[in-house]
N, C-alpha and C. Protein backbone atom coordinates (compact mmCIF):
# COMPACT_ATOMS: atom_id res chain seq x y z
N MET A 1 0.84 -1.17 0.00
CA MET A 1 0.00 0.00 0.00
C MET A 1 0.89 1.24 0.00
N PRO A 2 0.55 2.26 -0.78
CA PRO A 2 1.38 3.47 -0.85
C PRO A 2 1.40 4.23 0.47
N ARG A 3 2.45 5.02 0.64
CA ARG A 3 2.61 5.84 1.84
C ARG A 3 2.88 7.29 1.44
N CYS A 4 2.49 8.19 2.31
CA CYS A 4 2.80 9.60 2.14
C CYS A 4 4.30 9.79 2.35
N ASP A 5 4.95 10.47 1.43
CA ASP A 5 6.39 10.72 1.55
C ASP A 5 6.70 11.76 2.63
N HIS A 6 5.70 12.51 3.05
CA HIS A 6 5.93 13.54 4.06
C HIS A 6 5.82 12.98 5.48
N CYS A 7 4.72 12.22 5.76
CA CYS A 7 4.52 11.76 7.14
C CYS A 7 4.56 10.24 7.29
N GLY A 8 4.54 9.50 6.18
CA GLY A 8 4.64 8.05 6.25
C GLY A 8 3.32 7.32 6.43
N SER A 9 2.21 8.04 6.48
CA SER A 9 0.90 7.40 6.64
C SER A 9 0.52 6.63 5.38
N HIS A 10 -0.20 5.54 5.59
CA HIS A 10 -0.71 4.78 4.46
C HIS A 10 -1.83 5.56 3.77
N VAL A 11 -1.87 5.46 2.45
CA VAL A 11 -2.95 6.04 1.66
C VAL A 11 -3.44 4.99 0.68
N SER A 12 -4.62 5.17 0.15
CA SER A 12 -5.16 4.21 -0.80
C SER A 12 -4.45 4.33 -2.15
N ASP A 13 -4.53 3.28 -2.94
CA ASP A 13 -3.97 3.32 -4.29
C ASP A 13 -4.62 4.43 -5.10
N ARG A 14 -5.92 4.59 -4.93
CA ARG A 14 -6.65 5.62 -5.66
C ARG A 14 -6.15 7.01 -5.27
N PHE A 15 -5.96 7.25 -3.98
CA PHE A 15 -5.45 8.54 -3.52
C PHE A 15 -4.08 8.81 -4.13
N ALA A 16 -3.22 7.81 -4.14
CA ALA A 16 -1.87 7.97 -4.70
C ALA A 16 -1.93 8.27 -6.19
N ARG A 17 -2.82 7.62 -6.93
CA ARG A 17 -2.95 7.88 -8.37
C ARG A 17 -3.37 9.32 -8.63
N VAL A 18 -4.24 9.85 -7.77
CA VAL A 18 -4.77 11.20 -7.99
C VAL A 18 -3.77 12.27 -7.55
N PHE A 19 -3.12 12.08 -6.41
CA PHE A 19 -2.33 13.16 -5.82
C PHE A 19 -0.82 13.03 -5.95
N ALA A 20 -0.31 11.93 -6.44
CA ALA A 20 1.15 11.82 -6.62
C ALA A 20 1.59 12.72 -7.76
N ASP A 21 2.82 13.22 -7.67
CA ASP A 21 3.34 14.07 -8.75
C ASP A 21 3.83 13.22 -9.90
N GLU A 22 4.41 13.85 -10.90
CA GLU A 22 4.85 13.14 -12.10
C GLU A 22 5.98 12.14 -11.83
N HIS A 23 6.61 12.24 -10.67
CA HIS A 23 7.68 11.32 -10.29
C HIS A 23 7.18 10.21 -9.36
N GLY A 24 5.88 10.26 -9.03
CA GLY A 24 5.30 9.27 -8.13
C GLY A 24 5.42 9.63 -6.66
N ASP A 25 5.92 10.84 -6.37
CA ASP A 25 6.05 11.28 -4.98
C ASP A 25 4.71 11.76 -4.47
N LEU A 26 4.39 11.38 -3.26
CA LEU A 26 3.15 11.79 -2.62
C LEU A 26 3.52 12.70 -1.45
N ASN A 27 3.43 14.00 -1.68
CA ASN A 27 3.96 14.98 -0.73
C ASN A 27 3.00 15.43 0.35
N ALA A 28 1.77 14.94 0.34
CA ALA A 28 0.79 15.30 1.36
C ALA A 28 -0.31 14.26 1.36
N CYS A 29 -0.98 14.11 2.50
CA CYS A 29 -2.08 13.17 2.63
C CYS A 29 -3.08 13.73 3.63
N PRO A 30 -4.24 13.10 3.78
CA PRO A 30 -5.21 13.61 4.76
C PRO A 30 -4.69 13.63 6.19
N GLU A 31 -3.71 12.80 6.52
CA GLU A 31 -3.17 12.77 7.88
C GLU A 31 -2.30 13.99 8.19
N CYS A 32 -1.63 14.55 7.19
CA CYS A 32 -0.69 15.64 7.48
C CYS A 32 -1.09 16.98 6.85
N SER A 33 -2.26 17.03 6.23
CA SER A 33 -2.73 18.30 5.67
C SER A 33 -4.24 18.33 5.66
N ALA A 34 -4.81 19.50 5.63
CA ALA A 34 -6.27 19.65 5.59
C ALA A 34 -6.79 19.19 4.24
N ASN A 35 -7.87 18.43 4.22
CA ASN A 35 -8.44 17.97 2.96
C ASN A 35 -8.78 19.11 2.01
N ALA A 36 -9.26 20.20 2.54
CA ALA A 36 -9.67 21.32 1.69
C ALA A 36 -8.49 21.92 0.94
N GLY A 37 -7.29 21.86 1.51
CA GLY A 37 -6.14 22.50 0.90
C GLY A 37 -5.07 21.54 0.43
N ILE A 38 -5.39 20.29 0.24
CA ILE A 38 -4.36 19.30 -0.07
C ILE A 38 -3.65 19.59 -1.39
N ALA A 39 -4.37 20.06 -2.39
CA ALA A 39 -3.73 20.35 -3.67
C ALA A 39 -2.70 21.47 -3.52
N GLU A 40 -3.04 22.48 -2.73
CA GLU A 40 -2.10 23.59 -2.50
C GLU A 40 -0.88 23.11 -1.72
N VAL A 41 -1.09 22.25 -0.75
CA VAL A 41 0.03 21.72 0.04
C VAL A 41 0.97 20.91 -0.87
N VAL A 42 0.40 20.08 -1.73
CA VAL A 42 1.21 19.28 -2.63
C VAL A 42 2.03 20.18 -3.55
N ARG A 43 1.42 21.20 -4.10
CA ARG A 43 2.16 22.12 -4.98
C ARG A 43 3.28 22.82 -4.22
N GLU A 44 2.99 23.31 -3.03
CA GLU A 44 3.99 24.03 -2.24
C GLU A 44 5.16 23.12 -1.86
N ARG A 45 4.88 21.92 -1.38
CA ARG A 45 5.95 21.01 -1.00
C ARG A 45 6.74 20.55 -2.21
N GLY A 46 6.08 20.47 -3.35
CA GLY A 46 6.78 20.10 -4.58
C GLY A 46 7.78 21.16 -5.00
N ARG A 47 7.43 22.43 -4.80
CA ARG A 47 8.33 23.53 -5.14
C ARG A 47 9.54 23.56 -4.23
N THR A 48 9.35 23.32 -2.95
CA THR A 48 10.46 23.40 -2.01
C THR A 48 11.37 22.18 -2.09
N GLY A 49 10.88 21.09 -2.69
CA GLY A 49 11.66 19.87 -2.79
C GLY A 49 12.59 19.82 -4.00
N ASP A 50 12.48 20.81 -4.89
CA ASP A 50 13.31 20.80 -6.11
C ASP A 50 14.71 21.26 -5.86
């Protein structure tokens, strides 16, 4: 089962397919970010990780 690269929590395969970046990294999940802002968190963490 996939895990969040930020906090290590398990996520569903479906969640990983939707929210992983082009490299397969999953930079945020419901455990470590608010559901309402998850897309923004993923974009922000993606920028700082480059």
